[in-house]
Amino acid sequence: MFYSSAGLSFNSARDPYFRSSFSFILKNIIPGYVPPDCKRLKTTLLQKERARIEDLLKPIKSMWRKAGVTIVSDGWSDIRQRSLVNILAVNECGPIFLQAINNEDEVNTKEYIAEKLIAVIEDVGPENVVQVITDNDPVCRAAGLLIEEKYDHIQWMPCIAHTLSLALKDVFSPNNTGDVAFKDSHWISEVVEDAIMIKNFIINHTMISSILSEFSKLKILAIANTRFASDLVMLKRFRLIKQSLIMLVISDKWWPVYCNDNMEQAQLVKYKLTDNSWWKQVDYILSFTEPIYSMMRVTDTEEPRLHLINEMWNTMVEKVKAAIYKHESREPEEESAFYSVVHGILEDWWSRSKTPLQCLAHSLNPRYYSDSWINQAANRLPPHRDAEISQVRNNCWRKMFFTTDNLRTVKSEYGEFALLGTKHFSLNSRPDRDKLDPKMWWATHGTSAQAVQSLAFKLLSQPVSSSCCQRNWRTYDSIRDIVRDKLRPKWADDLVFVHNNLRLLSRRSEEYHTDREARYWDVGDDKFKSLGGAGILESANLSLDEPEFELAMIENIV
């Protein structure tokens, strides 16, 4: 009855803290206990809970000095279009929510954003911060440059998952009709527009959706435009239920709709879904964009990826080229107008996204010096033989190590590491370069090269995405919904701090890894109520790195 009267999501019954509280009550009878009133809940008890959570987070924060930390930030507007900036601290231990800044009465200038981020950096400790990640907005880029001017060792980087999403958007939506690129790629936008038309027609007609459910357990997805790669995700779902869509439009049940409800559009839907050439175009789009989408999934997480991003990008471009050339039956040395368009878009976004720290982290990954990695491709070079990477790396050394002695020490240690020298590294370290995890390799073999080892520990622990900020918005949206529209900003911030960081702590518990209900509570979150209807995914409610929730949608688990 409490769930119904309070309008609570049934998903909250999976909350491990809710379940543990009932277990405690059953085991401990407290005579005369009176539940706290509303005022105590949102004042003293909330403050005590925040203080308790801060104590529980201390072991994670204590690792920041050794492992470094990335400050990530993202902007968001709530239901009343009030602007907020979300700031978290992330490394391999997970994302810790720091604060959400209410800036509805402020203008988001580069100075304002830089001021807020610098205040957070000072609070965390500049010596602990490795980099700052925001989205690709020009004002955020400008704010990042101001931060780099203030701190020599801290660098700004745009969210790589967002960068890839923008690159896909450019591939899917060429907008210059007089450009050569438009002539070579406009067919993609035509296919996407057809898919959107079909999706809207089916979703907007309840009877058609009901008929489709007879042929497929999966549903058409109405994906928010703000979600990463929304058009591509839509096409992937279309391909997954291709046969069901065809069966829908050729079935006898389609005729009543075909004849009586928007005949012209229904005829067009049927024509497209039964057109083999249209499906071949869909398959082609999915084939050459799959490497981009796969990389987006890998980077759209708080897991350490900084030391992998250079190789991942190069490998992605090679796979895109292979898919296009295979479709066009071209030899590698031939020219492809369409590939030139796609490659130009990818290179343009990469030039805006690559940072010196990526090159330095790449240089400190032992795997990239192993023969097994180098021999996988004809054009591969170890980082110390790559002229561009070496130049950027040396520039990083000069910015990070101010004294001549320190600079000479780190260069000497790196030289030994790159050339497989035995002064700082034993012969046993060589075969482990492509066998051990990079951090484990440095912990095992890098003790005699402490300057480079300390830097490796930090760079090999950093993410390349601000996706944890975006997932955090669903928590804030739940707390600052219409019901709590007049909630004081301080209370809302405390609630989000407690709620979000409790999730981080729960993921480190044994129950999280053994109890399926606890995991679904985490990925489903407070907005998760059911998998019915058309199957609507919003960017705030589902990120690309939540396979459990996607599996639930596909299999209708719940």
Protein backbone atom coordinates (compact mmCIF):
# COMPACT_ATOMS: atom_id res chain seq x y z
CA MET A 1 0.00 0.00 0.00
CA PHE A 2 2.91 2.38 0.78
CA TYR A 3 4.25 1.93 -2.77
CA SER A 4 0.88 2.81 -4.28
CA SER A 5 0.13 5.77 -2.04
CA ALA A 6 3.61 7.30 -2.43
CA GLY A 7 3.84 6.60 -6.15
CA LEU A 8 7.12 4.73 -5.76
CA SER A 9 8.72 2.76 -8.56
CA PHE A 10 8.38 -0.99 -8.05
CA ASN A 11 12.03 -1.26 -9.07
CA SER A 12 12.95 0.23 -5.69
CA ALA A 13 11.94 -3.10 -4.11
CA ARG A 14 15.21 -4.38 -5.55
CA ASP A 15 17.17 -1.75 -3.62
CA PRO A 16 19.60 -3.70 -1.40
CA TYR A 17 19.40 -1.01 1.30
CA PHE A 18 15.60 -1.27 1.38
CA ARG A 19 15.83 -5.04 1.72
CA SER A 20 18.52 -4.91 4.38
CA SER A 21 16.49 -2.47 6.46
CA PHE A 22 13.57 -4.93 6.57
CA SER A 23 15.95 -7.74 7.47
CA PHE A 24 17.23 -5.62 10.34
CA ILE A 25 13.70 -4.90 11.57
CA LEU A 26 12.77 -8.56 11.51
CA LYS A 27 15.85 -9.49 13.53
CA ASN A 28 15.70 -6.56 15.98
CA ILE A 29 12.43 -5.63 17.63
CA ILE A 30 12.65 -2.03 18.95
CA PRO A 31 9.74 -1.30 21.34
CA GLY A 32 8.33 2.20 21.07
CA TYR A 33 10.25 3.08 17.88
CA VAL A 34 8.69 6.00 15.99
CA PRO A 35 9.75 6.66 12.36
CA PRO A 36 11.38 10.07 11.81
CA ASP A 37 9.22 12.93 10.61
CA CYS A 38 9.67 14.80 7.33
CA LYS A 39 11.73 17.64 8.85
CA ARG A 40 14.32 15.32 10.41
CA LEU A 41 14.59 13.26 7.22
CA LYS A 42 15.56 16.23 5.07
CA THR A 43 17.75 18.01 7.62
CA THR A 44 19.65 16.31 10.44
CA LEU A 45 19.28 12.72 9.26
CA LEU A 46 20.22 13.64 5.69
CA GLN A 47 23.31 15.47 6.94
CA LYS A 48 24.29 12.51 9.11
CA GLU A 49 23.88 10.15 6.17
CA ARG A 50 26.02 12.38 3.95
CA ALA A 51 28.73 12.46 6.61
CA ARG A 52 28.55 8.66 6.88
CA ILE A 53 28.90 8.27 3.12
CA GLU A 54 31.87 10.65 3.09
CA ASP A 55 33.57 8.45 5.69
CA LEU A 56 32.89 5.35 3.58
CA LEU A 57 34.41 7.08 0.56
CA LYS A 58 37.68 7.91 2.32
CA PRO A 59 39.42 4.62 1.32
CA ILE A 60 38.66 5.37 -2.34
CA LYS A 61 39.80 8.99 -2.05
CA SER A 62 43.01 7.87 -0.35
CA MET A 63 43.96 6.19 -3.64
CA TRP A 64 43.76 9.43 -5.60
CA ARG A 65 47.29 10.54 -4.76
CA LYS A 66 48.82 7.34 -6.15
CA ALA A 67 46.36 6.48 -8.92
CA GLY A 68 45.37 10.02 -9.91
CA VAL A 69 41.85 11.14 -10.70
CA THR A 70 39.93 12.65 -13.62
CA ILE A 71 37.42 15.44 -13.06
CA VAL A 72 34.43 14.97 -15.37
CA SER A 73 31.64 17.45 -15.92
CA ASP A 74 28.48 17.69 -17.98
CA GLY A 75 25.61 20.15 -18.23
CA TRP A 76 21.92 19.33 -17.99
CA SER A 77 18.54 21.06 -17.78
CA ASP A 78 15.73 19.74 -15.60
CA ILE A 79 12.01 19.63 -16.37
CA ARG A 80 11.73 23.40 -15.82
CA GLN A 81 14.79 24.09 -18.00
CA ARG A 82 16.91 25.03 -15.00
CA SER A 83 20.54 24.62 -15.91
CA LEU A 84 22.80 22.43 -13.78
CA VAL A 85 26.42 21.32 -14.02
CA ASN A 86 27.29 17.89 -12.71
CA ILE A 87 30.85 17.22 -11.48
CA LEU A 88 32.35 13.84 -10.54
CA ALA A 89 35.83 12.51 -9.77
CA VAL A 90 36.69 9.29 -11.59
CA ASN A 91 39.47 6.74 -11.76
CA GLU A 92 39.64 2.95 -11.84
CA CYS A 93 38.03 2.81 -8.37
CA GLY A 94 34.82 4.28 -9.80
CA PRO A 95 33.03 7.65 -10.07
CA ILE A 96 32.46 9.71 -6.94
CA PHE A 97 29.79 12.39 -7.17
CA LEU A 98 31.19 15.69 -5.92
CA GLN A 99 28.54 18.31 -6.58
CA ALA A 100 25.86 19.65 -8.91
CA ILE A 101 26.09 23.38 -9.48
CA ASN A 102 22.83 25.26 -10.04
CA ASN A 103 23.70 27.88 -12.64
CA GLU A 104 20.23 28.80 -13.88
CA ASP A 105 20.94 32.49 -13.21
CA GLU A 106 24.44 32.41 -14.72
CA VAL A 107 25.78 32.68 -18.25
CA ASN A 108 27.91 29.69 -19.21
CA THR A 109 31.02 31.56 -20.29
CA LYS A 110 34.43 29.92 -20.46
CA GLU A 111 35.51 31.93 -17.42
CA TYR A 112 32.52 30.78 -15.37
CA ILE A 113 32.97 27.11 -16.24
CA ALA A 114 36.72 27.26 -15.65
CA GLU A 115 36.15 28.96 -12.28
CA LYS A 116 33.82 26.20 -11.09
CA LEU A 117 36.11 23.41 -12.28
CA ILE A 118 39.19 25.05 -10.77
CA ALA A 119 37.37 25.29 -7.42
CA VAL A 120 36.72 21.53 -7.59
CA ILE A 121 40.34 20.84 -8.58
CA GLU A 122 41.56 22.82 -5.57
CA ASP A 123 39.19 20.91 -3.30
CA VAL A 124 40.31 17.52 -4.65
CA GLY A 125 43.96 18.59 -4.67
CA PRO A 126 45.69 19.71 -7.90
CA GLU A 127 48.47 17.18 -7.32
CA ASN A 128 45.86 14.38 -7.54
CA VAL A 129 44.18 15.55 -10.76
CA VAL A 130 45.42 14.17 -14.09
CA GLN A 131 42.88 15.58 -16.53
CA VAL A 132 39.48 17.22 -16.95
CA ILE A 133 36.84 15.77 -19.31
CA THR A 134 33.80 17.66 -20.60
CA ASP A 135 31.71 17.47 -23.76
CA ASN A 136 32.79 18.97 -27.10
CA ASP A 137 31.03 22.30 -26.69
CA PRO A 138 33.33 25.19 -27.79
CA VAL A 139 32.84 27.01 -24.47
CA CYS A 140 33.95 23.87 -22.59
CA ARG A 141 36.98 23.58 -24.86
CA ALA A 142 37.86 27.22 -24.12
CA ALA A 143 37.40 26.62 -20.38
CA GLY A 144 39.70 23.61 -20.65
CA LEU A 145 42.44 25.79 -22.13
CA LEU A 146 42.12 28.18 -19.18
CA ILE A 147 42.60 25.25 -16.81
CA GLU A 148 45.68 24.10 -18.74
CA GLU A 149 47.12 27.61 -18.45
CA LYS A 150 46.76 27.50 -14.67
CA TYR A 151 48.02 23.93 -14.15
CA ASP A 152 50.95 22.66 -16.23
CA HIS A 153 50.29 19.01 -15.41
CA ILE A 154 46.49 18.97 -15.91
CA GLN A 155 45.06 18.63 -19.40
CA TRP A 156 41.57 18.96 -20.84
CA MET A 157 40.02 16.29 -23.06
CA PRO A 158 36.62 16.07 -24.75
CA CYS A 159 34.49 13.00 -24.05
CA ILE A 160 35.56 10.41 -26.64
CA ALA A 161 32.14 8.71 -26.71
CA HIS A 162 30.55 12.09 -27.44
CA THR A 163 33.17 12.73 -30.13
CA LEU A 164 32.36 9.44 -31.85
CA SER A 165 28.64 10.20 -31.62
CA LEU A 166 29.19 13.56 -33.31
CA ALA A 167 31.30 11.92 -36.00
CA LEU A 168 28.49 9.44 -36.70
CA LYS A 169 26.02 12.30 -36.81
CA ASP A 170 28.12 13.99 -39.50
CA VAL A 171 28.29 10.74 -41.49
CA PHE A 172 24.53 10.23 -41.22
CA SER A 173 23.48 13.83 -41.86
CA PRO A 174 25.50 15.61 -44.57
CA ASN A 175 24.02 19.11 -44.71
CA ASN A 176 25.81 20.87 -47.56
CA THR A 177 23.95 20.04 -50.77
CA GLY A 178 26.64 21.66 -52.91
CA ASP A 179 29.48 19.70 -51.35
CA VAL A 180 31.06 16.63 -52.93
CA ALA A 181 30.72 14.82 -49.61
CA PHE A 182 26.95 15.27 -49.75
CA LYS A 183 26.73 13.62 -53.15
CA ASP A 184 28.63 10.57 -51.90
CA SER A 185 26.84 10.10 -48.58
CA HIS A 186 23.36 11.63 -48.81
CA TRP A 187 21.89 8.17 -49.38
CA ILE A 188 22.59 7.39 -45.71
CA SER A 189 20.34 10.18 -44.49
CA GLU A 190 17.63 8.98 -46.89
CA VAL A 191 17.76 5.47 -45.39
CA VAL A 192 17.63 6.91 -41.86
CA GLU A 193 14.65 9.13 -42.77
CA ASP A 194 12.85 6.07 -44.16
CA ALA A 195 13.52 4.17 -40.92
CA ILE A 196 12.24 7.07 -38.81
CA MET A 197 9.09 7.25 -40.95
CA ILE A 198 8.49 3.50 -40.53
CA LYS A 199 9.19 3.64 -36.80
CA ASN A 200 6.79 6.54 -36.24
CA PHE A 201 4.06 4.91 -38.32
CA ILE A 202 4.22 1.69 -36.32
CA ILE A 203 4.58 3.29 -32.90
CA ASN A 204 1.77 5.80 -33.50
CA HIS A 205 -0.69 3.06 -34.45
CA THR A 206 -1.53 0.89 -31.48
CA MET A 207 -3.13 -1.80 -33.63
CA ILE A 208 -0.02 -2.15 -35.80
CA SER A 209 2.22 -2.38 -32.74
CA SER A 210 -0.07 -5.08 -31.39
CA ILE A 211 0.13 -7.04 -34.66
CA LEU A 212 3.95 -6.73 -34.66
CA SER A 213 4.07 -8.24 -31.16
CA GLU A 214 2.56 -11.42 -32.62
CA PHE A 215 5.59 -11.85 -34.85
CA SER A 216 8.33 -10.61 -32.54
CA LYS A 217 9.02 -10.44 -28.82
CA LEU A 218 11.20 -7.42 -29.51
CA LYS A 219 9.70 -3.99 -29.96
CA ILE A 220 10.45 -0.98 -32.09
CA LEU A 221 12.62 1.40 -30.08
CA ALA A 222 11.82 5.11 -29.91
CA ILE A 223 15.24 6.44 -28.99
CA ALA A 224 15.84 9.98 -27.77
CA ASN A 225 17.88 12.12 -30.16
CA THR A 226 20.20 13.02 -27.31
CA ARG A 227 21.28 9.42 -26.89
CA PHE A 228 24.64 8.50 -28.40
CA ALA A 229 24.29 7.06 -31.92
CA SER A 230 20.49 7.15 -31.73
CA ASP A 231 19.98 6.67 -35.49
CA LEU A 232 22.42 3.78 -35.60
CA VAL A 233 20.80 2.06 -32.61
CA MET A 234 17.45 2.39 -34.38
CA LEU A 235 18.81 0.75 -37.54
CA LYS A 236 20.37 -2.05 -35.51
CA ARG A 237 16.99 -2.83 -33.97
CA PHE A 238 15.35 -2.72 -37.43
CA ARG A 239 17.84 -5.29 -38.69
CA LEU A 240 17.31 -7.45 -35.63
CA ILE A 241 13.56 -7.71 -36.26
CA LYS A 242 13.73 -7.59 -40.08
CA GLN A 243 11.81 -10.80 -40.68
CA SER A 244 9.10 -9.81 -38.20
CA LEU A 245 8.63 -6.45 -39.91
CA ILE A 246 8.32 -8.12 -43.30
CA MET A 247 5.84 -10.66 -41.93
CA LEU A 248 3.86 -7.76 -40.45
CA VAL A 249 3.31 -5.96 -43.77
CA ILE A 250 2.61 -9.09 -45.84
CA SER A 251 0.19 -10.62 -43.34
CA ASP A 252 -3.57 -10.57 -43.85
CA LYS A 253 -3.91 -8.44 -40.72
CA TRP A 254 -2.05 -5.60 -42.40
CA TRP A 255 -4.81 -5.06 -44.97
CA PRO A 256 -7.35 -3.33 -42.69
CA VAL A 257 -4.68 -0.78 -41.74
CA TYR A 258 -3.46 -0.57 -45.32
CA CYS A 259 -6.91 0.21 -46.68
CA ASN A 260 -8.45 2.35 -43.99
CA ASP A 261 -5.74 4.34 -42.20
CA ASN A 262 -3.40 6.60 -44.15
CA MET A 263 -3.24 4.42 -47.24
CA GLU A 264 -0.42 6.32 -48.95
CA GLN A 265 1.95 6.13 -46.00
CA ALA A 266 1.03 2.54 -45.22
CA GLN A 267 1.79 1.62 -48.82
CA LEU A 268 5.17 3.35 -48.57
CA VAL A 269 5.97 1.49 -45.34
CA LYS A 270 5.16 -1.82 -46.97
CA TYR A 271 7.19 -0.96 -50.05
CA LYS A 272 10.30 -0.07 -48.04
CA LEU A 273 10.11 -3.09 -45.74
CA THR A 274 9.77 -5.50 -48.66
CA ASP A 275 12.42 -3.78 -50.78
CA ASN A 276 15.55 -5.95 -50.74
CA SER A 277 17.75 -3.08 -51.99
CA TRP A 278 16.68 -0.92 -49.00
CA TRP A 279 17.68 -3.68 -46.57
CA LYS A 280 21.03 -4.03 -48.37
CA GLN A 281 21.65 -0.34 -47.74
CA VAL A 282 20.80 -0.85 -44.05
CA ASP A 283 23.25 -3.77 -43.91
CA TYR A 284 25.96 -1.67 -45.53
CA ILE A 285 25.48 1.17 -43.06
CA LEU A 286 25.66 -1.26 -40.14
CA SER A 287 28.79 -2.95 -41.53
CA PHE A 288 30.99 0.13 -41.91
CA THR A 289 29.70 1.87 -38.77
CA GLU A 290 30.05 -1.20 -36.53
CA PRO A 291 33.74 -0.42 -35.69
CA ILE A 292 32.74 3.13 -34.68
CA TYR A 293 29.83 1.91 -32.58
CA SER A 294 31.96 -0.78 -30.94
CA MET A 295 34.59 1.77 -29.97
CA MET A 296 31.87 4.03 -28.62
CA ARG A 297 30.62 1.24 -26.37
CA VAL A 298 34.13 0.54 -25.08
CA THR A 299 34.86 4.20 -24.33
CA ASP A 300 31.42 5.07 -22.90
CA THR A 301 32.44 3.91 -19.44
CA GLU A 302 34.48 5.01 -16.44
CA GLU A 303 36.90 2.12 -16.97
CA PRO A 304 40.56 3.07 -17.67
CA ARG A 305 40.97 3.61 -21.42
CA LEU A 306 43.39 6.54 -21.74
CA HIS A 307 46.36 4.28 -22.59
CA LEU A 308 44.34 2.41 -25.24
CA ILE A 309 42.64 5.22 -27.13
CA ASN A 310 45.34 5.82 -29.79
CA GLU A 311 45.45 2.20 -30.90
CA MET A 312 41.68 1.85 -30.68
CA TRP A 313 41.16 4.83 -32.97
CA ASN A 314 43.68 3.62 -35.56
CA THR A 315 42.22 0.11 -35.50
CA MET A 316 38.70 1.51 -35.85
CA VAL A 317 39.65 3.53 -38.95
CA GLU A 318 41.30 0.47 -40.51
CA LYS A 319 38.17 -1.63 -39.93
CA VAL A 320 35.92 1.08 -41.39
CA LYS A 321 38.11 1.17 -44.51
CA ALA A 322 38.10 -2.64 -44.78
CA ALA A 323 34.27 -2.74 -44.62
CA ILE A 324 33.84 -0.04 -47.26
CA TYR A 325 36.48 -1.48 -49.59
CA LYS A 326 34.98 -4.95 -49.27
CA HIS A 327 31.56 -3.61 -50.23
CA GLU A 328 33.02 -1.72 -53.20
CA SER A 329 35.33 -4.63 -54.18
CA ARG A 330 38.39 -2.36 -54.17
CA GLU A 331 42.04 -3.09 -53.61
CA PRO A 332 43.72 -1.34 -50.64
CA GLU A 333 45.75 0.97 -52.89
CA GLU A 334 42.69 2.16 -54.86
CA GLU A 335 40.79 5.38 -54.16
CA SER A 336 37.25 5.37 -52.78
CA ALA A 337 35.25 8.59 -52.86
CA PHE A 338 32.87 7.41 -50.14
CA TYR A 339 35.68 6.25 -47.85
CA SER A 340 37.41 9.60 -48.36
CA VAL A 341 34.28 11.31 -47.04
CA VAL A 342 33.99 9.05 -43.98
CA HIS A 343 37.74 9.15 -43.30
CA GLY A 344 37.75 12.94 -43.55
CA ILE A 345 34.98 13.19 -40.94
CA LEU A 346 36.76 10.79 -38.57
CA GLU A 347 40.10 12.55 -38.97
CA ASP A 348 38.51 15.94 -38.37
CA TRP A 349 36.98 14.81 -35.07
CA TRP A 350 40.15 12.98 -34.03
CA SER A 351 42.21 16.14 -34.58
CA ARG A 352 39.85 17.94 -32.16
CA SER A 353 39.97 15.18 -29.57
CA LYS A 354 43.53 13.89 -29.34
CA THR A 355 45.59 15.19 -26.43
CA PRO A 356 49.22 14.91 -25.35
CA LEU A 357 48.21 12.73 -22.39
CA GLN A 358 46.80 10.13 -24.78
CA CYS A 359 50.19 9.92 -26.53
CA LEU A 360 52.04 9.77 -23.21
CA ALA A 361 49.76 7.06 -21.84
CA HIS A 362 50.15 5.15 -25.11
CA SER A 363 53.93 5.37 -24.66
CA LEU A 364 53.75 3.86 -21.18
CA ASN A 365 51.73 0.78 -22.19
CA PRO A 366 54.27 -2.11 -22.20
CA ARG A 367 52.22 -4.06 -24.75
CA TYR A 368 53.03 -1.60 -27.53
CA TYR A 369 56.71 -2.53 -27.34
CA SER A 370 56.15 -6.27 -27.69
CA ASP A 371 56.93 -8.09 -30.94
CA SER A 372 53.53 -9.77 -30.94
CA TRP A 373 51.73 -6.41 -31.08
CA ILE A 374 54.13 -4.77 -33.55
CA ASN A 375 53.98 -7.71 -35.96
CA GLN A 376 50.17 -7.70 -36.13
CA ALA A 377 50.25 -4.95 -38.78
CA ALA A 378 52.86 -3.94 -41.36
CA ASN A 379 52.81 -0.23 -40.48
CA ARG A 380 53.03 -0.53 -36.69
CA LEU A 381 55.86 1.07 -34.78
CA PRO A 382 56.69 1.01 -31.08
CA PRO A 383 55.92 4.40 -29.49
CA HIS A 384 59.59 5.44 -29.19
CA ARG A 385 59.99 5.10 -32.96
CA ASP A 386 56.85 7.03 -33.86
CA ALA A 387 57.97 10.60 -34.64
CA GLU A 388 54.66 12.32 -33.83
CA ILE A 389 54.12 10.45 -30.56
CA SER A 390 57.74 11.01 -29.52
CA GLN A 391 57.50 14.75 -30.10
CA VAL A 392 54.29 15.04 -28.05
CA ARG A 393 55.75 12.81 -25.31
CA ASN A 394 58.86 14.96 -24.98
CA ASN A 395 56.70 18.08 -24.74
CA CYS A 396 54.79 16.40 -21.90
CA TRP A 397 58.02 15.59 -20.07
CA ARG A 398 59.06 19.25 -20.18
CA LYS A 399 55.71 20.43 -18.81
CA MET A 400 55.52 17.85 -16.02
CA PHE A 401 59.11 17.81 -14.78
CA PHE A 402 60.40 21.30 -14.12
CA THR A 403 63.96 20.75 -12.90
CA THR A 404 66.79 19.58 -15.12
CA ASP A 405 67.62 16.66 -12.85
CA ASN A 406 64.04 15.35 -12.73
CA LEU A 407 63.69 15.72 -16.49
CA ARG A 408 66.93 13.87 -17.10
CA THR A 409 65.89 11.10 -14.69
CA VAL A 410 62.53 10.46 -16.33
CA LYS A 411 64.05 10.49 -19.81
CA SER A 412 66.70 7.99 -18.74
CA GLU A 413 64.12 5.69 -17.16
CA TYR A 414 61.85 5.89 -20.18
CA GLY A 415 64.76 5.18 -22.54
CA GLU A 416 65.58 2.03 -20.60
CA PHE A 417 61.93 0.99 -20.68
CA ALA A 418 61.56 1.59 -24.43
CA LEU A 419 64.86 -0.05 -25.43
CA LEU A 420 64.40 -3.06 -23.15
CA GLY A 421 67.44 -2.03 -21.11
CA THR A 422 68.55 -3.98 -18.08
CA LYS A 423 69.63 -1.09 -15.86
CA HIS A 424 66.10 -0.55 -14.51
CA PHE A 425 64.26 -3.57 -15.94
CA SER A 426 65.11 -7.26 -15.67
CA LEU A 427 65.23 -9.66 -18.59
CA ASN A 428 62.14 -11.36 -17.13
CA SER A 429 60.11 -8.20 -17.83
CA ARG A 430 60.32 -8.63 -21.61
CA PRO A 431 58.00 -11.62 -22.13
CA ASP A 432 55.49 -10.14 -19.68
CA ARG A 433 54.92 -6.99 -21.78
CA ASP A 434 52.03 -8.47 -23.72
CA LYS A 435 51.00 -10.97 -21.04
CA LEU A 436 50.35 -8.85 -17.95
CA ASP A 437 47.89 -6.04 -17.45
CA PRO A 438 49.86 -2.77 -17.99
CA LYS A 439 49.52 -1.64 -14.37
CA MET A 440 50.44 -5.10 -13.09
CA TRP A 441 53.51 -5.02 -15.33
CA TRP A 442 54.67 -1.70 -13.89
CA ALA A 443 53.96 -2.86 -10.34
CA THR A 444 55.97 -6.04 -10.95
CA HIS A 445 58.87 -4.75 -13.03
CA GLY A 446 59.02 -0.97 -12.65
CA THR A 447 60.28 -0.54 -9.08
CA SER A 448 63.73 0.67 -10.18
CA ALA A 449 62.22 3.34 -12.44
CA GLN A 450 60.06 5.07 -9.86
CA ALA A 451 59.58 8.38 -11.68
CA VAL A 452 58.09 6.75 -14.77
CA GLN A 453 56.37 4.07 -12.68
CA SER A 454 54.50 6.69 -10.62
CA LEU A 455 53.36 8.44 -13.79
CA ALA A 456 52.31 5.14 -15.37
CA PHE A 457 50.17 4.28 -12.35
CA LYS A 458 48.25 7.54 -12.83
CA LEU A 459 47.87 7.52 -16.61
CA LEU A 460 46.89 3.85 -16.78
CA SER A 461 43.99 4.49 -14.36
CA GLN A 462 42.10 7.22 -16.25
CA PRO A 463 38.89 7.11 -18.32
CA VAL A 464 38.21 8.90 -21.60
CA SER A 465 34.49 9.56 -21.20
CA SER A 466 32.13 11.69 -19.12
CA SER A 467 29.35 9.11 -19.42
CA CYS A 468 29.12 8.67 -15.65
CA CYS A 469 27.89 12.28 -15.48
CA GLN A 470 25.11 11.55 -17.95
CA ARG A 471 24.00 8.47 -16.01
CA ASN A 472 23.97 10.58 -12.87
CA TRP A 473 21.37 12.92 -14.37
CA ARG A 474 18.70 10.24 -14.07
CA THR A 475 19.28 10.32 -10.30
CA TYR A 476 19.03 14.10 -10.19
CA ASP A 477 15.99 14.06 -12.47
CA SER A 478 14.28 11.61 -10.13
CA ILE A 479 14.99 13.79 -7.10
CA ARG A 480 14.16 17.12 -8.74
CA ASP A 481 10.97 15.96 -10.44
CA ILE A 482 7.65 17.76 -10.23
CA VAL A 483 6.91 16.29 -6.80
CA ARG A 484 10.08 17.82 -5.34
CA ASP A 485 10.07 20.90 -7.56
CA LYS A 486 10.40 23.22 -4.54
CA LEU A 487 13.12 21.19 -2.87
CA ARG A 488 15.95 23.43 -1.69
CA PRO A 489 19.09 23.14 -3.84
CA LYS A 490 21.18 22.12 -0.82
CA TRP A 491 18.81 19.28 0.07
CA ALA A 492 18.70 18.13 -3.54
CA ASP A 493 22.49 18.18 -3.75
CA ASP A 494 22.78 16.17 -0.52
CA LEU A 495 20.23 13.64 -1.75
CA VAL A 496 22.07 13.18 -5.06
CA PHE A 497 25.40 12.90 -3.24
CA VAL A 498 24.07 10.16 -0.96
CA HIS A 499 22.10 8.37 -3.66
CA ASN A 500 24.81 8.33 -6.33
CA ASN A 501 27.67 7.43 -4.03
CA LEU A 502 25.64 4.68 -2.37
CA ARG A 503 25.39 3.12 -5.82
CA LEU A 504 29.17 3.27 -6.19
CA LEU A 505 29.62 1.65 -2.79
CA SER A 506 27.02 -1.02 -3.58
CA ARG A 507 28.96 -2.02 -6.71
CA ARG A 508 31.95 -2.79 -4.52
CA SER A 509 29.93 -5.15 -2.33
CA GLU A 510 29.77 -8.92 -2.62
CA GLU A 511 25.98 -8.81 -2.89
CA TYR A 512 26.17 -6.76 -6.08
CA HIS A 513 28.14 -9.50 -7.84
CA THR A 514 26.01 -12.38 -6.55
CA ASP A 515 22.49 -10.93 -6.43
CA ARG A 516 20.80 -10.33 -9.78
CA GLU A 517 18.11 -8.15 -8.21
CA ALA A 518 20.71 -5.72 -6.86
CA ARG A 519 22.31 -5.37 -10.29
CA TYR A 520 18.98 -4.66 -11.98
CA TRP A 521 18.17 -2.06 -9.34
CA ASP A 522 21.45 -0.38 -10.25
CA VAL A 523 21.10 -0.32 -14.05
CA GLY A 524 17.35 0.21 -14.04
CA ASP A 525 17.48 3.04 -11.53
CA ASP A 526 14.51 4.92 -10.12
CA LYS A 527 12.88 5.70 -13.46
CA PHE A 528 12.79 2.03 -14.48
CA LYS A 529 9.21 0.82 -14.17
CA SER A 530 8.45 -1.64 -16.95
CA LEU A 531 9.46 -2.84 -20.37
CA GLY A 532 6.05 -2.43 -21.90
CA GLY A 533 4.80 -0.12 -24.62
CA ALA A 534 6.95 0.78 -27.59
CA GLY A 535 10.18 0.25 -25.76
CA ILE A 536 11.30 3.84 -25.23
CA LEU A 537 14.93 4.48 -24.38
CA GLU A 538 16.00 7.87 -23.09
CA SER A 539 19.63 8.96 -22.96
CA ALA A 540 19.38 9.67 -19.24
CA ASN A 541 17.99 6.24 -18.48
CA LEU A 542 20.25 3.96 -20.46
CA SER A 543 23.85 4.29 -21.48
CA LEU A 544 25.76 2.21 -23.98
CA ASP A 545 27.71 0.30 -21.35
CA GLU A 546 24.71 -1.26 -19.59
CA PRO A 547 24.36 -4.64 -21.32
CA GLU A 548 22.32 -6.11 -18.48
CA PHE A 549 19.55 -3.57 -18.99
CA GLU A 550 19.65 -3.99 -22.77
CA LEU A 551 19.40 -7.74 -22.26
CA ALA A 552 16.37 -7.20 -20.06
CA MET A 553 14.70 -5.19 -22.80
CA ILE A 554 15.42 -7.85 -25.41
CA GLU A 555 14.39 -10.82 -23.36
CA ASN A 556 11.55 -9.06 -21.50
CA ILE A 557 13.05 -10.14 -18.19
CA VAL A 558 11.08 -8.67 -15.31
